[in-house]
C-alpha atoms as a PDB file:
ATOM      1  CA  UNK A   1      50.334  19.417 -38.180  1.00  0.00           C
ATOM      2  CA  UNK A   2      49.490  16.539 -40.517  1.00  0.00           C
ATOM      3  CA  UNK A   3      48.063  14.468 -37.658  1.00  0.00           C
ATOM      4  CA  UNK A   4      46.001  17.372 -36.390  1.00  0.00           C
ATOM      5  CA  UNK A   5      44.444  17.808 -39.829  1.00  0.00           C
ATOM      6  CA  UNK A   6      43.712  14.079 -40.134  1.00  0.00           C
ATOM      7  CA  UNK A   7      42.242  13.922 -36.646  1.00  0.00           C
ATOM      8  CA  UNK A   8      40.125  17.004 -37.406  1.00  0.00           C
ATOM      9  CA  UNK A   9      38.661  15.307 -40.482  1.00  0.00           C
ATOM     10  CA  UNK A  10      37.748  12.237 -38.426  1.00  0.00           C
ATOM     11  CA  UNK A  11      36.272  14.380 -35.647  1.00  0.00           C
ATOM     12  CA  UNK A  12      34.149  16.405 -38.099  1.00  0.00           C
ATOM     13  CA  UNK A  13      32.738  13.173 -39.506  1.00  0.00           C
ATOM     14  CA  UNK A  14      32.079  11.915 -35.964  1.00  0.00           C
ATOM     15  CA  UNK A  15      30.321  15.183 -35.157  1.00  0.00           C
ATOM     16  CA  UNK A  16      28.175  14.839 -38.285  1.00  0.00           C
ATOM     17  CA  UNK A  17      27.263  11.329 -37.147  1.00  0.00           C
ATOM     18  CA  UNK A  18      26.201  12.727 -33.761  1.00  0.00           C
ATOM     19  CA  UNK A  19      24.209  15.444 -35.505  1.00  0.00           C
ATOM     20  CA  UNK A  20      22.425  12.925 -37.733  1.00  0.00           C
ATOM     21  CA  UNK A  21      21.671  10.805 -34.652  1.00  0.00           C
ATOM     22  CA  UNK A  22      19.935  13.740 -32.974  1.00  0.00           C
ATOM     23  CA  UNK A  23      18.122  14.941 -36.107  1.00  0.00           C
ATOM     24  CA  UNK A  24      16.753  11.673 -37.472  1.00  0.00           C
ATOM     25  CA  UNK A  25      14.273   9.682 -35.364  1.00  0.00           C
ATOM     26  CA  UNK A  26      15.798   6.271 -36.137  1.00  0.00           C
ATOM     27  CA  UNK A  27      17.347   3.947 -33.548  1.00  0.00           C
ATOM     28  CA  UNK A  28      20.725   4.042 -35.270  1.00  0.00           C
ATOM     29  CA  UNK A  29      23.829   4.850 -33.203  1.00  0.00           C
ATOM     30  CA  UNK A  30      25.777   7.984 -34.063  1.00  0.00           C
ATOM     31  CA  UNK A  31      28.883   5.898 -34.768  1.00  0.00           C
ATOM     32  CA  UNK A  32      27.055   4.039 -37.547  1.00  0.00           C
ATOM     33  CA  UNK A  33      26.002   7.326 -39.112  1.00  0.00           C
ATOM     34  CA  UNK A  34      29.637   8.425 -38.921  1.00  0.00           C
ATOM     35  CA  UNK A  35      30.865   5.241 -40.580  1.00  0.00           C
ATOM     36  CA  UNK A  36      28.328   5.635 -43.381  1.00  0.00           C
ATOM     37  CA  UNK A  37      29.273   9.294 -43.864  1.00  0.00           C
ATOM     38  CA  UNK A  38      32.960   8.360 -44.013  1.00  0.00           C
ATOM     39  CA  UNK A  39      32.217   5.538 -46.458  1.00  0.00           C
ATOM     40  CA  UNK A  40      30.228   7.844 -48.735  1.00  0.00           C
ATOM     41  CA  UNK A  41      32.915  10.541 -48.546  1.00  0.00           C
ATOM     42  CA  UNK A  42      35.585   7.995 -49.485  1.00  0.00           C
ATOM     43  CA  UNK A  43      33.501   6.514 -52.311  1.00  0.00           C
ATOM     44  CA  UNK A  44      32.719   9.946 -53.760  1.00  0.00           C
ATOM     45  CA  UNK A  45      36.411  10.841 -53.350  1.00  0.00           C
ATOM     46  CA  UNK A  46      35.619  13.856 -51.155  1.00  0.00           C
ATOM     47  CA  UNK A  47      38.208  12.365 -48.830  1.00  0.00           C
ATOM     48  CA  UNK A  48      41.174  10.358 -50.047  1.00  0.00           C
ATOM     49  CA  UNK A  49      42.423   7.490 -47.856  1.00  0.00           C
ATOM     50  CA  UNK A  50      45.834   9.152 -47.626  1.00  0.00           C
ATOM     51  CA  UNK A  51      44.221  12.129 -45.899  1.00  0.00           C
ATOM     52  CA  UNK A  52      43.303  10.063 -42.819  1.00  0.00           C
ATOM     53  CA  UNK A  53      45.577   7.017 -43.096  1.00  0.00           C
ATOM     54  CA  UNK A  54      48.097   7.603 -40.290  1.00  0.00           C
ATOM     55  CA  UNK A  55      45.606   8.842 -37.712  1.00  0.00           C
ATOM     56  CA  UNK A  56      43.073   6.114 -38.456  1.00  0.00           C
ATOM     57  CA  UNK A  57      45.822   3.475 -38.146  1.00  0.00           C
ATOM     58  CA  UNK A  58      46.799   4.937 -34.776  1.00  0.00           C
ATOM     59  CA  UNK A  59      43.188   4.914 -33.565  1.00  0.00           C
ATOM     60  CA  UNK A  60      42.795   1.288 -34.636  1.00  0.00           C
ATOM     61  CA  UNK A  61      46.009   0.354 -32.804  1.00  0.00           C
ATOM     62  CA  UNK A  62      44.810   1.858 -29.512  1.00  0.00           C
ATOM     63  CA  UNK A  63      41.257   0.545 -29.843  1.00  0.00           C
ATOM     64  CA  UNK A  64      41.748  -2.291 -27.292  1.00  0.00           C
ATOM     65  CA  UNK A  65      42.450   0.334 -24.633  1.00  0.00           C
ATOM     66  CA  UNK A  66      38.960   1.731 -25.242  1.00  0.00           C
ATOM     67  CA  UNK A  67      37.421  -1.523 -23.961  1.00  0.00           C
ATOM     68  CA  UNK A  68      38.905  -1.098 -20.467  1.00  0.00           C
ATOM     69  CA  UNK A  69      36.092   1.197 -19.209  1.00  0.00           C
ATOM     70  CA  UNK A  70      33.491  -1.303 -20.412  1.00  0.00           C
ATOM     71  CA  UNK A  71      35.272  -4.133 -18.586  1.00  0.00           C
ATOM     72  CA  UNK A  72      35.416  -2.070 -15.414  1.00  0.00           C
ATOM     73  CA  UNK A  73      31.723  -1.303 -15.851  1.00  0.00           C
ATOM     74  CA  UNK A  74      31.019  -5.041 -15.932  1.00  0.00           C
ATOM     75  CA  UNK A  75      32.723  -5.391 -12.575  1.00  0.00           C
ATOM     76  CA  UNK A  76      30.394  -2.729 -11.168  1.00  0.00           C
ATOM     77  CA  UNK A  77      27.278  -4.602 -12.317  1.00  0.00           C
ATOM     78  CA  UNK A  78      28.587  -8.125 -11.763  1.00  0.00           C
ATOM     79  CA  UNK A  79      25.667  -9.004  -9.474  1.00  0.00           C
ATOM     80  CA  UNK A  80      23.211  -8.339 -12.314  1.00  0.00           C
ATOM     81  CA  UNK A  81      25.338 -10.105 -14.912  1.00  0.00           C
ATOM     82  CA  UNK A  82      25.907 -13.152 -12.699  1.00  0.00           C
ATOM     83  CA  UNK A  83      22.170 -13.896 -12.630  1.00  0.00           C
ATOM     84  CA  UNK A  84      21.995 -14.281 -16.422  1.00  0.00           C
ATOM     85  CA  UNK A  85      25.554 -15.354 -17.136  1.00  0.00           C
ATOM     86  CA  UNK A  86      24.650 -18.480 -19.147  1.00  0.00           C
ATOM     87  CA  UNK A  87      22.199 -16.529 -21.311  1.00  0.00           C
ATOM     88  CA  UNK A  88      24.898 -13.930 -22.039  1.00  0.00           C
ATOM     89  CA  UNK A  89      27.487 -16.610 -22.805  1.00  0.00           C
ATOM     90  CA  UNK A  90      25.064 -18.382 -25.134  1.00  0.00           C
ATOM     91  CA  UNK A  91      24.337 -15.133 -26.962  1.00  0.00           C
ATOM     92  CA  UNK A  92      28.024 -14.316 -27.247  1.00  0.00           C
ATOM     93  CA  UNK A  93      28.909 -17.745 -28.657  1.00  0.00           C
ATOM     94  CA  UNK A  94      25.876 -17.847 -30.987  1.00  0.00           C
ATOM     95  CA  UNK A  95      26.372 -14.347 -32.395  1.00  0.00           C
ATOM     96  CA  UNK A  96      30.121 -14.908 -32.820  1.00  0.00           C
ATOM     97  CA  UNK A  97      29.528 -18.083 -34.827  1.00  0.00           C
ATOM     98  CA  UNK A  98      26.743 -16.391 -36.801  1.00  0.00           C
ATOM     99  CA  UNK A  99      28.897 -13.371 -37.685  1.00  0.00           C
ATOM    100  CA  UNK A 100      31.804 -15.613 -38.670  1.00  0.00           C
ATOM    101  CA  UNK A 101      29.556 -17.732 -40.894  1.00  0.00           C
ATOM    102  CA  UNK A 102      27.914 -14.758 -42.597  1.00  0.00           C
ATOM    103  CA  UNK A 103      31.257 -13.004 -43.074  1.00  0.00           C
ATOM    104  CA  UNK A 104      32.762 -16.163 -44.568  1.00  0.00           C
ATOM    105  CA  UNK A 105      29.837 -16.607 -46.966  1.00  0.00           C
ATOM    106  CA  UNK A 106      29.998 -12.978 -48.065  1.00  0.00           C
ATOM    107  CA  UNK A 107      33.759 -13.242 -48.641  1.00  0.00           C
ATOM    108  CA  UNK A 108      33.323 -16.448 -50.637  1.00  0.00           C
ATOM    109  CA  UNK A 109      30.595 -14.818 -52.711  1.00  0.00           C
ATOM    110  CA  UNK A 110      32.787 -11.783 -53.415  1.00  0.00           C
ATOM    111  CA  UNK A 111      35.783 -13.961 -54.331  1.00  0.00           C
ATOM    112  CA  UNK A 112      33.649 -16.026 -56.726  1.00  0.00           C
ATOM    113  CA  UNK A 113      32.205 -12.869 -58.245  1.00  0.00           C
ATOM    114  CA  UNK A 114      35.699 -11.404 -58.701  1.00  0.00           C
ATOM    115  CA  UNK A 115      37.015 -14.631 -60.264  1.00  0.00           C
ATOM    116  CA  UNK A 116      34.048 -14.703 -62.634  1.00  0.00           C
ATOM    117  CA  UNK A 117      34.865 -11.267 -64.074  1.00  0.00           C
END
């Protein structure tokens, strides 16, 4: 019963994200709205981490399985991807390095800020 309650909380937040996506005219994915709603709910202590901890851990553990349909989809459109393969590879490498660099800088900044207090 505990898992059903936790999963229901996550699904309600996901539904709210979908609702926001359809109501607001911005080009923001519903999942981002859901993440923001969950973040706000956690920060305002409307939801405690313990209320969704086990189910969210389970969903994170099975997340790699969710990439299988996307990989199969790539096989279906391989002819289109093959034409621009080097452009895609360049973008993948560039954005990966960029995200790693920005994440590292932000972490360093937060560590310095924490040490300064």
